[in-house]
Amino acid sequence: MSRLLRASILLMFLASCGGGNFSAPRDLENACSIVAERPQYFRAMKATERKWGVPVHVQMATIHQESKFIGNARTPHQFVLGIIPVGRQSSAYGYSQALDGTWEEYQQEEGGRRARRDDIGDATDFMGWYMDQTERGLGISKTDARNQYLAYHEGRTGFARRSYESKPWLVEVASRVGGRAERYRVQLASCGR
């Protein structure tokens, strides 16, 4: 095998190992713009809607709040004395900002070992799985973006204990998620999605 051929094969292999496009879509305020720019997002969300019954607009609003559609999003670092990094605020990662423990539970029950939080298809499937369990366990409709988000953020046990009541900022965020879901629903209908 010639050197040029070996070098070409190595270069293609290395290029294929590179990270994906984890940047956010250009216009996060317009659902039609998001799905036009990233059709793979829409395909993944439609698959989740078919499998779990969670509407696309609810998924989109939750992902917007959690990661702004940035596939490798992480929580900020924490610092001691304002300068010494001591780790991240939590293990949340990816489009869905799933925590390590919850993601591992999903992998065991549904997603398989190869599921990745920075893969839009796996992330939306995780959200569908989680919200389906939330509806079955707490009776929160999959179309209720506000309360689904509260249960998503606080965990089902925290939601059942009403832990969000001591967090007015979170209640406001959840209301914004609900409003965004409704805007996304109307926008998606206007562009025939």
C-alpha atoms as a PDB file:
ATOM      1  CA  MET A   1       0.000   0.000   0.000  1.00  0.00           C
ATOM      2  CA  SER A   2       1.449   3.342  -0.992  1.00  0.00           C
ATOM      3  CA  ARG A   3       2.242   6.048   1.531  1.00  0.00           C
ATOM      4  CA  LEU A   4      -0.261   8.380  -0.048  1.00  0.00           C
ATOM      5  CA  LEU A   5      -3.060   5.831   0.229  1.00  0.00           C
ATOM      6  CA  ARG A   6      -2.179   5.051   3.860  1.00  0.00           C
ATOM      7  CA  ALA A   7      -2.027   8.752   4.693  1.00  0.00           C
ATOM      8  CA  SER A   8      -5.394   9.342   2.998  1.00  0.00           C
ATOM      9  CA  ILE A   9      -7.017   6.472   4.895  1.00  0.00           C
ATOM     10  CA  LEU A  10      -5.558   7.709   8.185  1.00  0.00           C
ATOM     11  CA  LEU A  11      -6.740  11.249   7.479  1.00  0.00           C
ATOM     12  CA  MET A  12     -10.277  10.064   6.668  1.00  0.00           C
ATOM     13  CA  PHE A  13     -10.321   7.927   9.821  1.00  0.00           C
ATOM     14  CA  LEU A  14      -9.202  10.825  11.993  1.00  0.00           C
ATOM     15  CA  ALA A  15     -11.722  13.169  10.392  1.00  0.00           C
ATOM     16  CA  SER A  16     -14.529  10.692  11.062  1.00  0.00           C
ATOM     17  CA  CYS A  17     -13.550  10.537  14.744  1.00  0.00           C
ATOM     18  CA  GLY A  18     -13.915  14.266  15.173  1.00  0.00           C
ATOM     19  CA  GLY A  19     -16.781  15.661  17.211  1.00  0.00           C
ATOM     20  CA  GLY A  20     -20.120  16.467  15.706  1.00  0.00           C
ATOM     21  CA  ASN A  21     -21.587  19.878  15.089  1.00  0.00           C
ATOM     22  CA  PHE A  22     -22.607  20.812  18.616  1.00  0.00           C
ATOM     23  CA  SER A  23     -23.290  24.500  17.941  1.00  0.00           C
ATOM     24  CA  ALA A  24     -26.782  25.911  18.383  1.00  0.00           C
ATOM     25  CA  PRO A  25     -29.029  26.617  15.402  1.00  0.00           C
ATOM     26  CA  ARG A  26     -28.996  30.272  14.318  1.00  0.00           C
ATOM     27  CA  ASP A  27     -32.565  31.278  15.258  1.00  0.00           C
ATOM     28  CA  LEU A  28     -33.717  29.604  18.472  1.00  0.00           C
ATOM     29  CA  GLU A  29     -36.900  31.686  18.574  1.00  0.00           C
ATOM     30  CA  ASN A  30     -38.358  30.127  15.428  1.00  0.00           C
ATOM     31  CA  ALA A  31     -39.186  26.409  15.417  1.00  0.00           C
ATOM     32  CA  CYS A  32     -39.515  26.366  11.622  1.00  0.00           C
ATOM     33  CA  SER A  33     -36.044  27.858  11.273  1.00  0.00           C
ATOM     34  CA  ILE A  34     -34.599  25.268  13.663  1.00  0.00           C
ATOM     35  CA  VAL A  35     -36.056  22.308  11.775  1.00  0.00           C
ATOM     36  CA  ALA A  36     -35.117  23.785   8.393  1.00  0.00           C
ATOM     37  CA  GLU A  37     -31.513  24.269   9.512  1.00  0.00           C
ATOM     38  CA  ARG A  38     -31.282  20.935  11.357  1.00  0.00           C
ATOM     39  CA  PRO A  39     -33.728  18.477   9.765  1.00  0.00           C
ATOM     40  CA  GLN A  40     -32.135  15.647  11.760  1.00  0.00           C
ATOM     41  CA  TYR A  41     -33.514  17.285  14.928  1.00  0.00           C
ATOM     42  CA  PHE A  42     -37.038  17.158  13.551  1.00  0.00           C
ATOM     43  CA  ARG A  43     -36.657  13.535  12.436  1.00  0.00           C
ATOM     44  CA  ALA A  44     -35.420  12.556  15.904  1.00  0.00           C
ATOM     45  CA  MET A  45     -38.237  14.420  17.646  1.00  0.00           C
ATOM     46  CA  LYS A  46     -40.896  12.945  15.349  1.00  0.00           C
ATOM     47  CA  ALA A  47     -39.544   9.457  16.104  1.00  0.00           C
ATOM     48  CA  THR A  48     -39.796  10.218  19.829  1.00  0.00           C
ATOM     49  CA  GLU A  49     -43.313  11.582  19.373  1.00  0.00           C
ATOM     50  CA  ARG A  50     -44.354   8.363  17.591  1.00  0.00           C
ATOM     51  CA  LYS A  51     -42.697   6.113  20.172  1.00  0.00           C
ATOM     52  CA  TRP A  52     -43.508   7.927  23.425  1.00  0.00           C
ATOM     53  CA  GLY A  53     -46.293  10.373  22.554  1.00  0.00           C
ATOM     54  CA  VAL A  54     -44.393  13.495  23.612  1.00  0.00           C
ATOM     55  CA  PRO A  55     -45.205  16.288  21.125  1.00  0.00           C
ATOM     56  CA  VAL A  56     -42.330  17.796  19.159  1.00  0.00           C
ATOM     57  CA  HIS A  57     -43.018  21.290  20.518  1.00  0.00           C
ATOM     58  CA  VAL A  58     -42.742  20.060  24.129  1.00  0.00           C
ATOM     59  CA  GLN A  59     -39.420  18.370  23.333  1.00  0.00           C
ATOM     60  CA  MET A  60     -38.127  21.479  21.575  1.00  0.00           C
ATOM     61  CA  ALA A  61     -39.061  23.815  24.434  1.00  0.00           C
ATOM     62  CA  THR A  62     -37.408  21.510  26.974  1.00  0.00           C
ATOM     63  CA  ILE A  63     -34.222  21.176  24.933  1.00  0.00           C
ATOM     64  CA  HIS A  64     -34.148  24.946  24.415  1.00  0.00           C
ATOM     65  CA  GLN A  65     -34.277  25.491  28.169  1.00  0.00           C
ATOM     66  CA  GLU A  66     -31.831  22.751  29.049  1.00  0.00           C
ATOM     67  CA  SER A  67     -29.085  23.219  26.455  1.00  0.00           C
ATOM     68  CA  LYS A  68     -30.142  25.797  23.848  1.00  0.00           C
ATOM     69  CA  PHE A  69     -29.722  22.909  21.356  1.00  0.00           C
ATOM     70  CA  ILE A  70     -25.976  22.641  22.093  1.00  0.00           C
ATOM     71  CA  GLY A  71     -25.159  18.945  21.941  1.00  0.00           C
ATOM     72  CA  ASN A  72     -22.187  18.960  24.300  1.00  0.00           C
ATOM     73  CA  ALA A  73     -23.580  21.458  26.830  1.00  0.00           C
ATOM     74  CA  ARG A  74     -22.351  21.101  30.405  1.00  0.00           C
ATOM     75  CA  THR A  75     -23.106  22.895  33.633  1.00  0.00           C
ATOM     76  CA  PRO A  76     -20.631  25.608  34.678  1.00  0.00           C
ATOM     77  CA  HIS A  77     -17.605  24.896  36.848  1.00  0.00           C
ATOM     78  CA  GLN A  78     -17.720  25.637  40.558  1.00  0.00           C
ATOM     79  CA  PHE A  79     -14.881  27.526  42.194  1.00  0.00           C
ATOM     80  CA  VAL A  80     -13.519  27.755  45.722  1.00  0.00           C
ATOM     81  CA  LEU A  81     -12.379  31.248  46.719  1.00  0.00           C
ATOM     82  CA  GLY A  82     -13.528  32.346  43.284  1.00  0.00           C
ATOM     83  CA  ILE A  83     -10.449  30.959  41.515  1.00  0.00           C
ATOM     84  CA  ILE A  84      -9.852  27.266  42.293  1.00  0.00           C
ATOM     85  CA  PRO A  85     -11.972  24.991  40.069  1.00  0.00           C
ATOM     86  CA  VAL A  86     -13.519  22.079  41.977  1.00  0.00           C
ATOM     87  CA  GLY A  87     -15.708  20.469  39.338  1.00  0.00           C
ATOM     88  CA  ARG A  88     -19.024  21.118  37.702  1.00  0.00           C
ATOM     89  CA  GLN A  89     -22.325  21.980  39.356  1.00  0.00           C
ATOM     90  CA  SER A  90     -23.745  18.616  38.299  1.00  0.00           C
ATOM     91  CA  SER A  91     -23.160  15.729  35.920  1.00  0.00           C
ATOM     92  CA  ALA A  92     -25.772  17.085  33.462  1.00  0.00           C
ATOM     93  CA  TYR A  93     -24.580  16.793  29.867  1.00  0.00           C
ATOM     94  CA  GLY A  94     -25.813  16.990  26.302  1.00  0.00           C
ATOM     95  CA  TYR A  95     -28.970  18.173  24.588  1.00  0.00           C
ATOM     96  CA  SER A  96     -31.225  16.876  27.360  1.00  0.00           C
ATOM     97  CA  GLN A  97     -28.886  17.735  30.259  1.00  0.00           C
ATOM     98  CA  ALA A  98     -29.481  14.246  31.645  1.00  0.00           C
ATOM     99  CA  LEU A  99     -27.657  13.456  34.880  1.00  0.00           C
ATOM    100  CA  ASP A 100     -25.291  10.482  34.966  1.00  0.00           C
ATOM    101  CA  GLY A 101     -27.514   8.328  37.182  1.00  0.00           C
ATOM    102  CA  THR A 102     -30.720   8.970  35.252  1.00  0.00           C
ATOM    103  CA  TRP A 103     -28.945   8.412  31.943  1.00  0.00           C
ATOM    104  CA  GLU A 104     -27.565   5.093  33.179  1.00  0.00           C
ATOM    105  CA  GLU A 105     -31.072   4.048  34.236  1.00  0.00           C
ATOM    106  CA  TYR A 106     -32.322   4.950  30.748  1.00  0.00           C
ATOM    107  CA  GLN A 107     -29.479   2.998  29.116  1.00  0.00           C
ATOM    108  CA  GLN A 108     -30.313  -0.094  31.158  1.00  0.00           C
ATOM    109  CA  GLU A 109     -34.065   0.105  30.585  1.00  0.00           C
ATOM    110  CA  GLU A 110     -34.361   1.483  27.088  1.00  0.00           C
ATOM    111  CA  GLY A 111     -31.448   3.089  25.277  1.00  0.00           C
ATOM    112  CA  GLY A 112     -28.713   0.497  25.392  1.00  0.00           C
ATOM    113  CA  ARG A 113     -25.070   0.980  26.278  1.00  0.00           C
ATOM    114  CA  ARG A 114     -24.255   2.854  23.076  1.00  0.00           C
ATOM    115  CA  ALA A 115     -26.785   5.648  23.662  1.00  0.00           C
ATOM    116  CA  ARG A 116     -25.087   9.052  23.921  1.00  0.00           C
ATOM    117  CA  ARG A 117     -26.345  12.267  25.486  1.00  0.00           C
ATOM    118  CA  ASP A 118     -24.736  14.311  22.705  1.00  0.00           C
ATOM    119  CA  ASP A 119     -26.706  12.438  20.017  1.00  0.00           C
ATOM    120  CA  ILE A 120     -30.004  14.194  19.259  1.00  0.00           C
ATOM    121  CA  GLY A 121     -31.848  10.924  18.602  1.00  0.00           C
ATOM    122  CA  ASP A 122     -30.734   9.387  21.885  1.00  0.00           C
ATOM    123  CA  ALA A 123     -31.372  12.632  23.797  1.00  0.00           C
ATOM    124  CA  THR A 124     -34.937  13.000  22.517  1.00  0.00           C
ATOM    125  CA  ASP A 125     -35.637   9.308  23.114  1.00  0.00           C
ATOM    126  CA  PHE A 126     -34.422   9.790  26.693  1.00  0.00           C
ATOM    127  CA  MET A 127     -36.766  12.748  27.130  1.00  0.00           C
ATOM    128  CA  GLY A 128     -39.667  10.739  25.723  1.00  0.00           C
ATOM    129  CA  TRP A 129     -38.891   7.843  28.055  1.00  0.00           C
ATOM    130  CA  TYR A 130     -38.635  10.156  31.055  1.00  0.00           C
ATOM    131  CA  MET A 131     -41.807  12.114  30.266  1.00  0.00           C
ATOM    132  CA  ASP A 132     -43.730   8.901  29.577  1.00  0.00           C
ATOM    133  CA  GLN A 133     -42.783   7.655  33.038  1.00  0.00           C
ATOM    134  CA  THR A 134     -43.747  11.026  34.485  1.00  0.00           C
ATOM    135  CA  GLU A 135     -47.212  10.798  32.943  1.00  0.00           C
ATOM    136  CA  ARG A 136     -47.668   7.239  34.180  1.00  0.00           C
ATOM    137  CA  GLY A 137     -46.304   7.962  37.672  1.00  0.00           C
ATOM    138  CA  LEU A 138     -47.601  11.463  38.359  1.00  0.00           C
ATOM    139  CA  GLY A 139     -50.443  11.875  35.880  1.00  0.00           C
ATOM    140  CA  ILE A 140     -48.840  14.889  34.135  1.00  0.00           C
ATOM    141  CA  SER A 141     -49.963  15.014  30.532  1.00  0.00           C
ATOM    142  CA  LYS A 142     -47.218  14.820  27.928  1.00  0.00           C
ATOM    143  CA  THR A 143     -48.689  17.980  26.385  1.00  0.00           C
ATOM    144  CA  ASP A 144     -48.251  19.934  29.662  1.00  0.00           C
ATOM    145  CA  ALA A 145     -44.795  21.390  29.001  1.00  0.00           C
ATOM    146  CA  ARG A 146     -44.772  23.501  32.183  1.00  0.00           C
ATOM    147  CA  ASN A 147     -45.371  20.689  34.666  1.00  0.00           C
ATOM    148  CA  GLN A 148     -43.405  18.140  32.661  1.00  0.00           C
ATOM    149  CA  TYR A 149     -40.469  20.557  32.880  1.00  0.00           C
ATOM    150  CA  LEU A 150     -40.873  20.967  36.643  1.00  0.00           C
ATOM    151  CA  ALA A 151     -40.829  17.168  37.054  1.00  0.00           C
ATOM    152  CA  TYR A 152     -37.897  16.918  34.620  1.00  0.00           C
ATOM    153  CA  HIS A 153     -35.875  19.500  36.551  1.00  0.00           C
ATOM    154  CA  GLU A 154     -36.760  18.418  40.087  1.00  0.00           C
ATOM    155  CA  GLY A 155     -37.106  14.711  39.421  1.00  0.00           C
ATOM    156  CA  ARG A 156     -40.390  12.910  39.894  1.00  0.00           C
ATOM    157  CA  THR A 157     -39.885  12.525  43.635  1.00  0.00           C
ATOM    158  CA  GLY A 158     -39.057  16.227  44.012  1.00  0.00           C
ATOM    159  CA  PHE A 159     -42.113  17.173  41.971  1.00  0.00           C
ATOM    160  CA  ALA A 160     -44.337  14.917  44.101  1.00  0.00           C
ATOM    161  CA  ARG A 161     -42.934  16.639  47.216  1.00  0.00           C
ATOM    162  CA  ARG A 162     -43.598  20.002  45.524  1.00  0.00           C
ATOM    163  CA  SER A 163     -39.971  21.070  46.002  1.00  0.00           C
ATOM    164  CA  TYR A 164     -40.398  23.658  43.249  1.00  0.00           C
ATOM    165  CA  GLU A 165     -42.684  25.717  45.504  1.00  0.00           C
ATOM    166  CA  SER A 166     -39.628  26.967  47.396  1.00  0.00           C
ATOM    167  CA  LYS A 167     -37.996  27.989  44.088  1.00  0.00           C
ATOM    168  CA  PRO A 168     -39.946  30.876  42.543  1.00  0.00           C
ATOM    169  CA  TRP A 169     -37.246  31.276  39.893  1.00  0.00           C
ATOM    170  CA  LEU A 170     -37.860  27.678  38.736  1.00  0.00           C
ATOM    171  CA  VAL A 171     -41.627  28.169  38.586  1.00  0.00           C
ATOM    172  CA  GLU A 172     -40.970  31.207  36.351  1.00  0.00           C
ATOM    173  CA  VAL A 173     -38.604  29.187  34.131  1.00  0.00           C
ATOM    174  CA  ALA A 174     -41.191  26.410  33.834  1.00  0.00           C
ATOM    175  CA  SER A 175     -43.818  28.966  32.817  1.00  0.00           C
ATOM    176  CA  ARG A 176     -41.449  30.242  30.122  1.00  0.00           C
ATOM    177  CA  VAL A 177     -40.956  26.658  28.904  1.00  0.00           C
ATOM    178  CA  GLY A 178     -44.733  26.290  28.689  1.00  0.00           C
ATOM    179  CA  GLY A 179     -45.030  29.547  26.735  1.00  0.00           C
ATOM    180  CA  ARG A 180     -42.201  28.608  24.399  1.00  0.00           C
ATOM    181  CA  ALA A 181     -43.774  25.195  23.759  1.00  0.00           C
ATOM    182  CA  GLU A 182     -47.010  26.899  22.723  1.00  0.00           C
ATOM    183  CA  ARG A 183     -45.137  29.327  20.427  1.00  0.00           C
ATOM    184  CA  TYR A 184     -43.223  26.435  18.876  1.00  0.00           C
ATOM    185  CA  ARG A 185     -46.512  24.515  18.388  1.00  0.00           C
ATOM    186  CA  VAL A 186     -48.066  27.431  16.508  1.00  0.00           C
ATOM    187  CA  GLN A 187     -44.910  28.001  14.453  1.00  0.00           C
ATOM    188  CA  LEU A 188     -44.610  24.343  13.496  1.00  0.00           C
ATOM    189  CA  ALA A 189     -48.261  24.324  12.391  1.00  0.00           C
ATOM    190  CA  SER A 190     -47.645  27.434  10.257  1.00  0.00           C
ATOM    191  CA  CYS A 191     -44.792  25.780   8.351  1.00  0.00           C
ATOM    192  CA  GLY A 192     -46.665  22.498   7.903  1.00  0.00           C
ATOM    193  CA  ARG A 193     -44.679  20.468  10.410  1.00  0.00           C
END
